[in-house]
Amino acid sequence: GDGYTTFNPPVADLTSAKVSTQLAPQLIRTVHKGRTS
């Protein structure tokens, strides 16, 4: 989550437990459809 662009809210840390415990279909959907707000 430490890329050279910054946002509010901050981007996800993809190494976090919150992300790593998501199932692949959930992550695929997030990439496909994005995340609101």
PDB file of all heavy atoms in Angstrom:
ATOM      1  N   GLY A   1       0.804  -1.220   0.000  1.00  0.00           N
ATOM      2  CA  GLY A   1       0.000   0.000   0.000  1.00  0.00           C
ATOM      3  C   GLY A   1       0.832   1.263   0.000  1.00  0.00           C
ATOM      4  O   GLY A   1       0.342   2.343   0.302  1.00  0.00           O
ATOM      5  N   ASP A   2       2.101   1.129  -0.361  1.00  0.00           N
ATOM      6  CA  ASP A   2       3.022   2.263  -0.308  1.00  0.00           C
ATOM      7  C   ASP A   2       3.496   2.701  -1.690  1.00  0.00           C
ATOM      8  O   ASP A   2       4.652   3.036  -1.886  1.00  0.00           O
ATOM      9  CB  ASP A   2       4.222   1.925   0.576  1.00  0.00           C
ATOM     10  CG  ASP A   2       4.964   0.674   0.094  1.00  0.00           C
ATOM     11  OD1 ASP A   2       4.484  -0.003  -0.834  1.00  0.00           O
ATOM     12  OD2 ASP A   2       6.024   0.373   0.662  1.00  0.00           O
ATOM     13  N   GLY A   3       2.567   2.711  -2.619  1.00  0.00           N
ATOM     14  CA  GLY A   3       2.903   3.162  -3.969  1.00  0.00           C
ATOM     15  C   GLY A   3       3.163   4.658  -4.001  1.00  0.00           C
ATOM     16  O   GLY A   3       2.971   5.361  -3.009  1.00  0.00           O
ATOM     17  N   TYR A   4       3.581   5.159  -5.146  1.00  0.00           N
ATOM     18  CA  TYR A   4       3.925   6.576  -5.239  1.00  0.00           C
ATOM     19  C   TYR A   4       2.709   7.474  -5.403  1.00  0.00           C
ATOM     20  O   TYR A   4       2.820   8.685  -5.341  1.00  0.00           O
ATOM     21  CB  TYR A   4       4.969   6.832  -6.328  1.00  0.00           C
ATOM     22  CG  TYR A   4       4.550   6.468  -7.728  1.00  0.00           C
ATOM     23  CD1 TYR A   4       3.788   7.334  -8.500  1.00  0.00           C
ATOM     24  CD2 TYR A   4       4.943   5.264  -8.292  1.00  0.00           C
ATOM     25  CE1 TYR A   4       3.420   7.010  -9.787  1.00  0.00           C
ATOM     26  CE2 TYR A   4       4.585   4.927  -9.582  1.00  0.00           C
ATOM     27  CZ  TYR A   4       3.815   5.806 -10.330  1.00  0.00           C
ATOM     28  OH  TYR A   4       3.452   5.469 -11.600  1.00  0.00           O
ATOM     29  N   THR A   5       1.518   6.890  -5.595  1.00  0.00           N
ATOM     30  CA  THR A   5       0.299   7.680  -5.590  1.00  0.00           C
ATOM     31  C   THR A   5      -0.387   7.465  -4.248  1.00  0.00           C
ATOM     32  O   THR A   5      -0.324   6.389  -3.673  1.00  0.00           O
ATOM     33  CB  THR A   5      -0.638   7.265  -6.735  1.00  0.00           C
ATOM     34  OG1 THR A   5      -0.909   5.873  -6.634  1.00  0.00           O
ATOM     35  CG2 THR A   5      -0.034   7.554  -8.085  1.00  0.00           C
ATOM     36  N   THR A   6      -1.014   8.499  -3.751  1.00  0.00           N
ATOM     37  CA  THR A   6      -1.688   8.380  -2.464  1.00  0.00           C
ATOM     38  C   THR A   6      -3.151   8.760  -2.608  1.00  0.00           C
ATOM     39  O   THR A   6      -3.513   9.578  -3.459  1.00  0.00           O
ATOM     40  CB  THR A   6      -1.031   9.274  -1.397  1.00  0.00           C
ATOM     41  OG1 THR A   6      -1.042  10.626  -1.852  1.00  0.00           O
ATOM     42  CG2 THR A   6       0.383   8.833  -1.098  1.00  0.00           C
ATOM     43  N   PHE A   7      -3.977   8.155  -1.775  1.00  0.00           N
ATOM     44  CA  PHE A   7      -5.415   8.372  -1.828  1.00  0.00           C
ATOM     45  C   PHE A   7      -5.975   8.444  -0.419  1.00  0.00           C
ATOM     46  O   PHE A   7      -5.363   7.980   0.533  1.00  0.00           O
ATOM     47  CB  PHE A   7      -6.093   7.209  -2.567  1.00  0.00           C
ATOM     48  CG  PHE A   7      -5.662   7.077  -3.990  1.00  0.00           C
ATOM     49  CD1 PHE A   7      -4.648   6.192  -4.344  1.00  0.00           C
ATOM     50  CD2 PHE A   7      -6.242   7.843  -4.983  1.00  0.00           C
ATOM     51  CE1 PHE A   7      -4.233   6.063  -5.664  1.00  0.00           C
ATOM     52  CE2 PHE A   7      -5.827   7.732  -6.307  1.00  0.00           C
ATOM     53  CZ  PHE A   7      -4.829   6.834  -6.639  1.00  0.00           C
ATOM     54  N   ASN A   8      -7.171   9.008  -0.324  1.00  0.00           N
ATOM     55  CA  ASN A   8      -7.899   9.021   0.934  1.00  0.00           C
ATOM     56  C   ASN A   8      -9.286   8.457   0.652  1.00  0.00           C
ATOM     57  O   ASN A   8     -10.045   9.084  -0.084  1.00  0.00           O
ATOM     58  CB  ASN A   8      -7.994  10.442   1.475  1.00  0.00           C
ATOM     59  CG  ASN A   8      -8.575  10.480   2.869  1.00  0.00           C
ATOM     60  OD1 ASN A   8      -8.743   9.456   3.512  1.00  0.00           O
ATOM     61  ND2 ASN A   8      -8.883  11.674   3.323  1.00  0.00           N
ATOM     62  N   PRO A   9      -9.629   7.287   1.159  1.00  0.00           N
ATOM     63  CA  PRO A   9      -8.858   6.465   2.081  1.00  0.00           C
ATOM     64  C   PRO A   9      -7.652   5.820   1.395  1.00  0.00           C
ATOM     65  O   PRO A   9      -7.635   5.687   0.172  1.00  0.00           O
ATOM     66  CB  PRO A   9      -9.858   5.396   2.538  1.00  0.00           C
ATOM     67  CG  PRO A   9     -10.822   5.274   1.414  1.00  0.00           C
ATOM     68  CD  PRO A   9     -10.917   6.656   0.807  1.00  0.00           C
ATOM     69  N   PRO A  10      -6.659   5.437   2.196  1.00  0.00           N
ATOM     70  CA  PRO A  10      -5.463   4.811   1.628  1.00  0.00           C
ATOM     71  C   PRO A  10      -5.783   3.503   0.907  1.00  0.00           C
ATOM     72  O   PRO A  10      -6.785   2.852   1.210  1.00  0.00           O
ATOM     73  CB  PRO A  10      -4.585   4.530   2.852  1.00  0.00           C
ATOM     74  CG  PRO A  10      -5.179   5.298   3.973  1.00  0.00           C
ATOM     75  CD  PRO A  10      -6.612   5.544   3.644  1.00  0.00           C
ATOM     76  N   VAL A  11      -4.929   3.143  -0.022  1.00  0.00           N
ATOM     77  CA  VAL A  11      -5.111   1.878  -0.741  1.00  0.00           C
ATOM     78  C   VAL A  11      -4.825   0.708   0.195  1.00  0.00           C
ATOM     79  O   VAL A  11      -4.150   0.862   1.221  1.00  0.00           O
ATOM     80  CB  VAL A  11      -4.209   1.786  -1.994  1.00  0.00           C
ATOM     81  CG1 VAL A  11      -4.547   2.887  -2.974  1.00  0.00           C
ATOM     82  CG2 VAL A  11      -2.747   1.830  -1.626  1.00  0.00           C
ATOM     83  N   ALA A  12      -5.332  -0.448  -0.180  1.00  0.00           N
ATOM     84  CA  ALA A  12      -5.180  -1.642   0.648  1.00  0.00           C
ATOM     85  C   ALA A  12      -3.738  -2.137   0.673  1.00  0.00           C
ATOM     86  O   ALA A  12      -3.033  -2.093  -0.344  1.00  0.00           O
ATOM     87  CB  ALA A  12      -6.077  -2.758   0.129  1.00  0.00           C
ATOM     88  N   ASP A  13      -3.343  -2.616   1.833  1.00  0.00           N
ATOM     89  CA  ASP A  13      -2.090  -3.353   1.980  1.00  0.00           C
ATOM     90  C   ASP A  13      -2.431  -4.788   1.584  1.00  0.00           C
ATOM     91  O   ASP A  13      -3.133  -5.489   2.306  1.00  0.00           O
ATOM     92  CB  ASP A  13      -1.608  -3.281   3.427  1.00  0.00           C
ATOM     93  CG  ASP A  13      -0.383  -4.144   3.684  1.00  0.00           C
ATOM     94  OD1 ASP A  13       0.026  -4.938   2.809  1.00  0.00           O
ATOM     95  OD2 ASP A  13       0.154  -4.045   4.808  1.00  0.00           O
ATOM     96  N   LEU A  14      -1.962  -5.201   0.435  1.00  0.00           N
ATOM     97  CA  LEU A  14      -2.317  -6.521  -0.091  1.00  0.00           C
ATOM     98  C   LEU A  14      -1.618  -7.658   0.636  1.00  0.00           C
ATOM     99  O   LEU A  14      -1.915  -8.818   0.386  1.00  0.00           O
ATOM    100  CB  LEU A  14      -2.025  -6.569  -1.597  1.00  0.00           C
ATOM    101  CG  LEU A  14      -2.762  -5.505  -2.417  1.00  0.00           C
ATOM    102  CD1 LEU A  14      -2.330  -5.568  -3.871  1.00  0.00           C
ATOM    103  CD2 LEU A  14      -4.266  -5.645  -2.275  1.00  0.00           C
ATOM    104  N   THR A  15      -0.716  -7.329   1.547  1.00  0.00           N
ATOM    105  CA  THR A  15      -0.052  -8.360   2.348  1.00  0.00           C
ATOM    106  C   THR A  15      -0.739  -8.546   3.695  1.00  0.00           C
ATOM    107  O   THR A  15      -0.338  -9.404   4.475  1.00  0.00           O
ATOM    108  CB  THR A  15       1.435  -8.018   2.575  1.00  0.00           C
ATOM    109  OG1 THR A  15       1.530  -6.849   3.393  1.00  0.00           O
ATOM    110  CG2 THR A  15       2.166  -7.790   1.258  1.00  0.00           C
ATOM    111  N   SER A  16      -1.762  -7.761   3.965  1.00  0.00           N
ATOM    112  CA  SER A  16      -2.438  -7.813   5.261  1.00  0.00           C
ATOM    113  C   SER A  16      -3.278  -9.082   5.415  1.00  0.00           C
ATOM    114  O   SER A  16      -3.676  -9.716   4.434  1.00  0.00           O
ATOM    115  CB  SER A  16      -3.353  -6.602   5.430  1.00  0.00           C
ATOM    116  OG  SER A  16      -4.483  -6.722   4.569  1.00  0.00           O
ATOM    117  N   ALA A  17      -3.560  -9.421   6.658  1.00  0.00           N
ATOM    118  CA  ALA A  17      -4.411 -10.579   6.942  1.00  0.00           C
ATOM    119  C   ALA A  17      -5.803 -10.376   6.352  1.00  0.00           C
ATOM    120  O   ALA A  17      -6.427 -11.314   5.869  1.00  0.00           O
ATOM    121  CB  ALA A  17      -4.496 -10.810   8.443  1.00  0.00           C
ATOM    122  N   LYS A  18      -6.293  -9.144   6.379  1.00  0.00           N
ATOM    123  CA  LYS A  18      -7.626  -8.847   5.843  1.00  0.00           C
ATOM    124  C   LYS A  18      -7.733  -9.239   4.367  1.00  0.00           C
ATOM    125  O   LYS A  18      -8.731  -9.799   3.933  1.00  0.00           O
ATOM    126  CB  LYS A  18      -7.945  -7.366   6.014  1.00  0.00           C
ATOM    127  CG  LYS A  18      -9.309  -6.976   5.513  1.00  0.00           C
ATOM    128  CD  LYS A  18      -9.577  -5.506   5.749  1.00  0.00           C
ATOM    129  CE  LYS A  18     -10.942  -5.132   5.201  1.00  0.00           C
ATOM    130  NZ  LYS A  18     -11.242  -3.720   5.383  1.00  0.00           N
ATOM    131  N   VAL A  19      -6.702  -8.954   3.608  1.00  0.00           N
ATOM    132  CA  VAL A  19      -6.712  -9.286   2.182  1.00  0.00           C
ATOM    133  C   VAL A  19      -6.356 -10.752   1.963  1.00  0.00           C
ATOM    134  O   VAL A  19      -7.005 -11.455   1.194  1.00  0.00           O
ATOM    135  CB  VAL A  19      -5.758  -8.367   1.389  1.00  0.00           C
ATOM    136  CG1 VAL A  19      -5.645  -8.816  -0.059  1.00  0.00           C
ATOM    137  CG2 VAL A  19      -6.232  -6.922   1.472  1.00  0.00           C
ATOM    138  N   SER A  20      -5.336 -11.232   2.642  1.00  0.00           N
ATOM    139  CA  SER A  20      -4.848 -12.587   2.383  1.00  0.00           C
ATOM    140  C   SER A  20      -5.838 -13.676   2.807  1.00  0.00           C
ATOM    141  O   SER A  20      -5.730 -14.807   2.350  1.00  0.00           O
ATOM    142  CB  SER A  20      -3.485 -12.818   3.030  1.00  0.00           C
ATOM    143  OG  SER A  20      -3.595 -12.764   4.428  1.00  0.00           O
ATOM    144  N   THR A  21      -6.793 -13.340   3.661  1.00  0.00           N
ATOM    145  CA  THR A  21      -7.785 -14.338   4.065  1.00  0.00           C
ATOM    146  C   THR A  21      -9.009 -14.353   3.156  1.00  0.00           C
ATOM    147  O   THR A  21      -9.869 -15.218   3.301  1.00  0.00           O
ATOM    148  CB  THR A  21      -8.229 -14.125   5.529  1.00  0.00           C
ATOM    149  OG1 THR A  21      -8.750 -12.800   5.668  1.00  0.00           O
ATOM    150  CG2 THR A  21      -7.070 -14.336   6.481  1.00  0.00           C
ATOM    151  N   GLN A  22      -9.082 -13.411   2.230  1.00  0.00           N
ATOM    152  CA  GLN A  22     -10.193 -13.406   1.280  1.00  0.00           C
ATOM    153  C   GLN A  22      -9.994 -14.529   0.267  1.00  0.00           C
ATOM    154  O   GLN A  22      -8.869 -14.817  -0.142  1.00  0.00           O
ATOM    155  CB  GLN A  22     -10.288 -12.076   0.548  1.00  0.00           C
ATOM    156  CG  GLN A  22     -10.745 -10.942   1.421  1.00  0.00           C
ATOM    157  CD  GLN A  22     -10.925  -9.661   0.628  1.00  0.00           C
ATOM    158  OE1 GLN A  22     -11.284  -9.688  -0.544  1.00  0.00           O
ATOM    159  NE2 GLN A  22     -10.660  -8.541   1.262  1.00  0.00           N
ATOM    160  N   LEU A  23     -11.066 -15.124  -0.139  1.00  0.00           N
ATOM    161  CA  LEU A  23     -11.007 -16.165  -1.157  1.00  0.00           C
ATOM    162  C   LEU A  23     -10.731 -15.542  -2.516  1.00  0.00           C
ATOM    163  O   LEU A  23     -11.087 -14.381  -2.765  1.00  0.00           O
ATOM    164  CB  LEU A  23     -12.316 -16.940  -1.185  1.00  0.00           C
ATOM    165  CG  LEU A  23     -12.692 -17.657   0.117  1.00  0.00           C
ATOM    166  CD1 LEU A  23     -14.072 -18.292  -0.023  1.00  0.00           C
ATOM    167  CD2 LEU A  23     -11.654 -18.692   0.479  1.00  0.00           C
ATOM    168  N   ALA A  24     -10.120 -16.314  -3.399  1.00  0.00           N
ATOM    169  CA  ALA A  24      -9.782 -15.817  -4.733  1.00  0.00           C
ATOM    170  C   ALA A  24     -10.990 -15.214  -5.450  1.00  0.00           C
ATOM    171  O   ALA A  24     -10.858 -14.143  -6.055  1.00  0.00           O
ATOM    172  CB  ALA A  24      -9.132 -16.917  -5.557  1.00  0.00           C
ATOM    173  N   PRO A  25     -12.175 -15.854  -5.425  1.00  0.00           N
ATOM    174  CA  PRO A  25     -13.314 -15.246  -6.122  1.00  0.00           C
ATOM    175  C   PRO A  25     -13.676 -13.848  -5.604  1.00  0.00           C
ATOM    176  O   PRO A  25     -14.076 -12.983  -6.373  1.00  0.00           O
ATOM    177  CB  PRO A  25     -14.468 -16.226  -5.878  1.00  0.00           C
ATOM    178  CG  PRO A  25     -13.790 -17.539  -5.672  1.00  0.00           C
ATOM    179  CD  PRO A  25     -12.515 -17.200  -4.940  1.00  0.00           C
ATOM    180  N   GLN A  26     -13.488 -13.617  -4.301  1.00  0.00           N
ATOM    181  CA  GLN A  26     -13.750 -12.288  -3.740  1.00  0.00           C
ATOM    182  C   GLN A  26     -12.755 -11.264  -4.296  1.00  0.00           C
ATOM    183  O   GLN A  26     -13.131 -10.150  -4.652  1.00  0.00           O
ATOM    184  CB  GLN A  26     -13.650 -12.309  -2.217  1.00  0.00           C
ATOM    185  CG  GLN A  26     -14.729 -13.109  -1.539  1.00  0.00           C
ATOM    186  CD  GLN A  26     -14.434 -13.268  -0.059  1.00  0.00           C
ATOM    187  OE1 GLN A  26     -13.393 -13.781   0.332  1.00  0.00           O
ATOM    188  NE2 GLN A  26     -15.357 -12.815   0.764  1.00  0.00           N
ATOM    189  N   LEU A  27     -11.500 -11.651  -4.347  1.00  0.00           N
ATOM    190  CA  LEU A  27     -10.469 -10.750  -4.866  1.00  0.00           C
ATOM    191  C   LEU A  27     -10.664 -10.493  -6.357  1.00  0.00           C
ATOM    192  O   LEU A  27     -10.504  -9.360  -6.823  1.00  0.00           O
ATOM    193  CB  LEU A  27      -9.083 -11.319  -4.592  1.00  0.00           C
ATOM    194  CG  LEU A  27      -8.688 -11.405  -3.120  1.00  0.00           C
ATOM    195  CD1 LEU A  27      -7.390 -12.178  -2.960  1.00  0.00           C
ATOM    196  CD2 LEU A  27      -8.595 -10.023  -2.498  1.00  0.00           C
ATOM    197  N   ILE A  28     -11.025 -11.527  -7.085  1.00  0.00           N
ATOM    198  CA  ILE A  28     -11.280 -11.370  -8.521  1.00  0.00           C
ATOM    199  C   ILE A  28     -12.421 -10.386  -8.734  1.00  0.00           C
ATOM    200  O   ILE A  28     -12.343  -9.493  -9.586  1.00  0.00           O
ATOM    201  CB  ILE A  28     -11.565 -12.741  -9.174  1.00  0.00           C
ATOM    202  CG1 ILE A  28     -10.273 -13.558  -9.244  1.00  0.00           C
ATOM    203  CG2 ILE A  28     -12.189 -12.575 -10.557  1.00  0.00           C
ATOM    204  CD1 ILE A  28     -10.471 -15.018  -9.625  1.00  0.00           C
ATOM    205  N   ARG A  29     -13.473 -10.523  -7.942  1.00  0.00           N
ATOM    206  CA  ARG A  29     -14.605  -9.601  -8.065  1.00  0.00           C
ATOM    207  C   ARG A  29     -14.166  -8.165  -7.752  1.00  0.00           C
ATOM    208  O   ARG A  29     -14.581  -7.225  -8.435  1.00  0.00           O
ATOM    209  CB  ARG A  29     -15.739 -10.019  -7.145  1.00  0.00           C
ATOM    210  CG  ARG A  29     -16.933  -9.080  -7.220  1.00  0.00           C
ATOM    211  CD  ARG A  29     -18.145  -9.633  -6.501  1.00  0.00           C
ATOM    212  NE  ARG A  29     -19.200  -8.668  -6.397  1.00  0.00           N
ATOM    213  CZ  ARG A  29     -19.982  -8.272  -7.388  1.00  0.00           C
ATOM    214  NH1 ARG A  29     -19.806  -8.752  -8.593  1.00  0.00           N
ATOM    215  NH2 ARG A  29     -20.935  -7.381  -7.189  1.00  0.00           N
ATOM    216  N   THR A  30     -13.339  -7.984  -6.739  1.00  0.00           N
ATOM    217  CA  THR A  30     -12.860  -6.644  -6.401  1.00  0.00           C
ATOM    218  C   THR A  30     -12.087  -6.035  -7.557  1.00  0.00           C
ATOM    219  O   THR A  30     -12.282  -4.864  -7.891  1.00  0.00           O
ATOM    220  CB  THR A  30     -11.986  -6.683  -5.130  1.00  0.00           C
ATOM    221  OG1 THR A  30     -12.798  -7.104  -4.034  1.00  0.00           O
ATOM    222  CG2 THR A  30     -11.385  -5.325  -4.822  1.00  0.00           C
ATOM    223  N   VAL A  31     -11.227  -6.816  -8.187  1.00  0.00           N
ATOM    224  CA  VAL A  31     -10.465  -6.297  -9.320  1.00  0.00           C
ATOM    225  C   VAL A  31     -11.407  -6.012 -10.496  1.00  0.00           C
ATOM    226  O   VAL A  31     -11.304  -4.963 -11.135  1.00  0.00           O
ATOM    227  CB  VAL A  31      -9.332  -7.257  -9.732  1.00  0.00           C
ATOM    228  CG1 VAL A  31      -8.591  -6.727 -10.957  1.00  0.00           C
ATOM    229  CG2 VAL A  31      -8.363  -7.476  -8.575  1.00  0.00           C
ATOM    230  N   HIS A  32     -12.334  -6.906 -10.754  1.00  0.00           N
ATOM    231  CA  HIS A  32     -13.295  -6.707 -11.849  1.00  0.00           C
ATOM    232  C   HIS A  32     -14.136  -5.459 -11.636  1.00  0.00           C
ATOM    233  O   HIS A  32     -14.241  -4.621 -12.528  1.00  0.00           O
ATOM    234  CB  HIS A  32     -14.261  -7.903 -11.940  1.00  0.00           C
ATOM    235  CG  HIS A  32     -13.859  -8.939 -12.912  1.00  0.00           C
ATOM    236  ND1 HIS A  32     -14.103  -8.847 -14.251  1.00  0.00           N
ATOM    237  CD2 HIS A  32     -13.236 -10.125 -12.731  1.00  0.00           C
ATOM    238  CE1 HIS A  32     -13.652  -9.926 -14.860  1.00  0.00           C
ATOM    239  NE2 HIS A  32     -13.112 -10.711 -13.962  1.00  0.00           N
ATOM    240  N   LYS A  33     -14.748  -5.353 -10.477  1.00  0.00           N
ATOM    241  CA  LYS A  33     -15.776  -4.334 -10.228  1.00  0.00           C
ATOM    242  C   LYS A  33     -15.307  -3.117  -9.451  1.00  0.00           C
ATOM    243  O   LYS A  33     -16.031  -2.126  -9.351  1.00  0.00           O
ATOM    244  CB  LYS A  33     -16.959  -4.962  -9.477  1.00  0.00           C
ATOM    245  CG  LYS A  33     -17.612  -6.110 -10.208  1.00  0.00           C
ATOM    246  CD  LYS A  33     -18.267  -5.648 -11.486  1.00  0.00           C
ATOM    247  CE  LYS A  33     -18.983  -6.796 -12.182  1.00  0.00           C
ATOM    248  NZ  LYS A  33     -19.455  -6.415 -13.505  1.00  0.00           N
ATOM    249  N   GLY A  34     -14.117  -3.178  -8.847  1.00  0.00           N
ATOM    250  CA  GLY A  34     -13.633  -2.078  -8.035  1.00  0.00           C
ATOM    251  C   GLY A  34     -14.304  -2.058  -6.670  1.00  0.00           C
ATOM    252  O   GLY A  34     -15.043  -2.976  -6.310  1.00  0.00           O
ATOM    253  N   ARG A  35     -14.021  -1.009  -5.918  1.00  0.00           N
ATOM    254  CA  ARG A  35     -14.608  -0.844  -4.579  1.00  0.00           C
ATOM    255  C   ARG A  35     -15.170   0.569  -4.481  1.00  0.00           C
ATOM    256  O   ARG A  35     -14.446   1.529  -4.725  1.00  0.00           O
ATOM    257  CB  ARG A  35     -13.564  -1.065  -3.496  1.00  0.00           C
ATOM    258  CG  ARG A  35     -13.082  -2.504  -3.450  1.00  0.00           C
ATOM    259  CD  ARG A  35     -12.164  -2.712  -2.291  1.00  0.00           C
ATOM    260  NE  ARG A  35     -12.849  -2.272  -1.088  1.00  0.00           N
ATOM    261  CZ  ARG A  35     -13.096  -3.047  -0.042  1.00  0.00           C
ATOM    262  NH1 ARG A  35     -12.689  -4.286  -0.042  1.00  0.00           N
ATOM    263  NH2 ARG A  35     -13.711  -2.577   1.003  1.00  0.00           N
ATOM    264  N   THR A  36     -16.435   0.669  -4.102  1.00  0.00           N
ATOM    265  CA  THR A  36     -17.047   1.986  -3.971  1.00  0.00           C
ATOM    266  C   THR A  36     -16.396   2.770  -2.835  1.00  0.00           C
ATOM    267  O   THR A  36     -15.869   2.195  -1.888  1.00  0.00           O
ATOM    268  CB  THR A  36     -18.562   1.866  -3.726  1.00  0.00           C
ATOM    269  OG1 THR A  36     -18.784   1.094  -2.542  1.00  0.00           O
ATOM    270  CG2 THR A  36     -19.262   1.208  -4.891  1.00  0.00           C
ATOM    271  N   SER A  37     -16.431   4.065  -2.982  1.00  0.00           N
ATOM    272  CA  SER A  37     -15.885   5.009  -1.995  1.00  0.00           C
ATOM    273  C   SER A  37     -14.394   4.831  -1.757  1.00  0.00           C
ATOM    274  O   SER A  37     -13.883   5.154  -0.682  1.00  0.00           O
ATOM    275  CB  SER A  37     -16.643   4.899  -0.664  1.00  0.00           C
ATOM    276  OG  SER A  37     -18.013   5.157  -0.870  1.00  0.00           O
TER     277      SER A  37
END
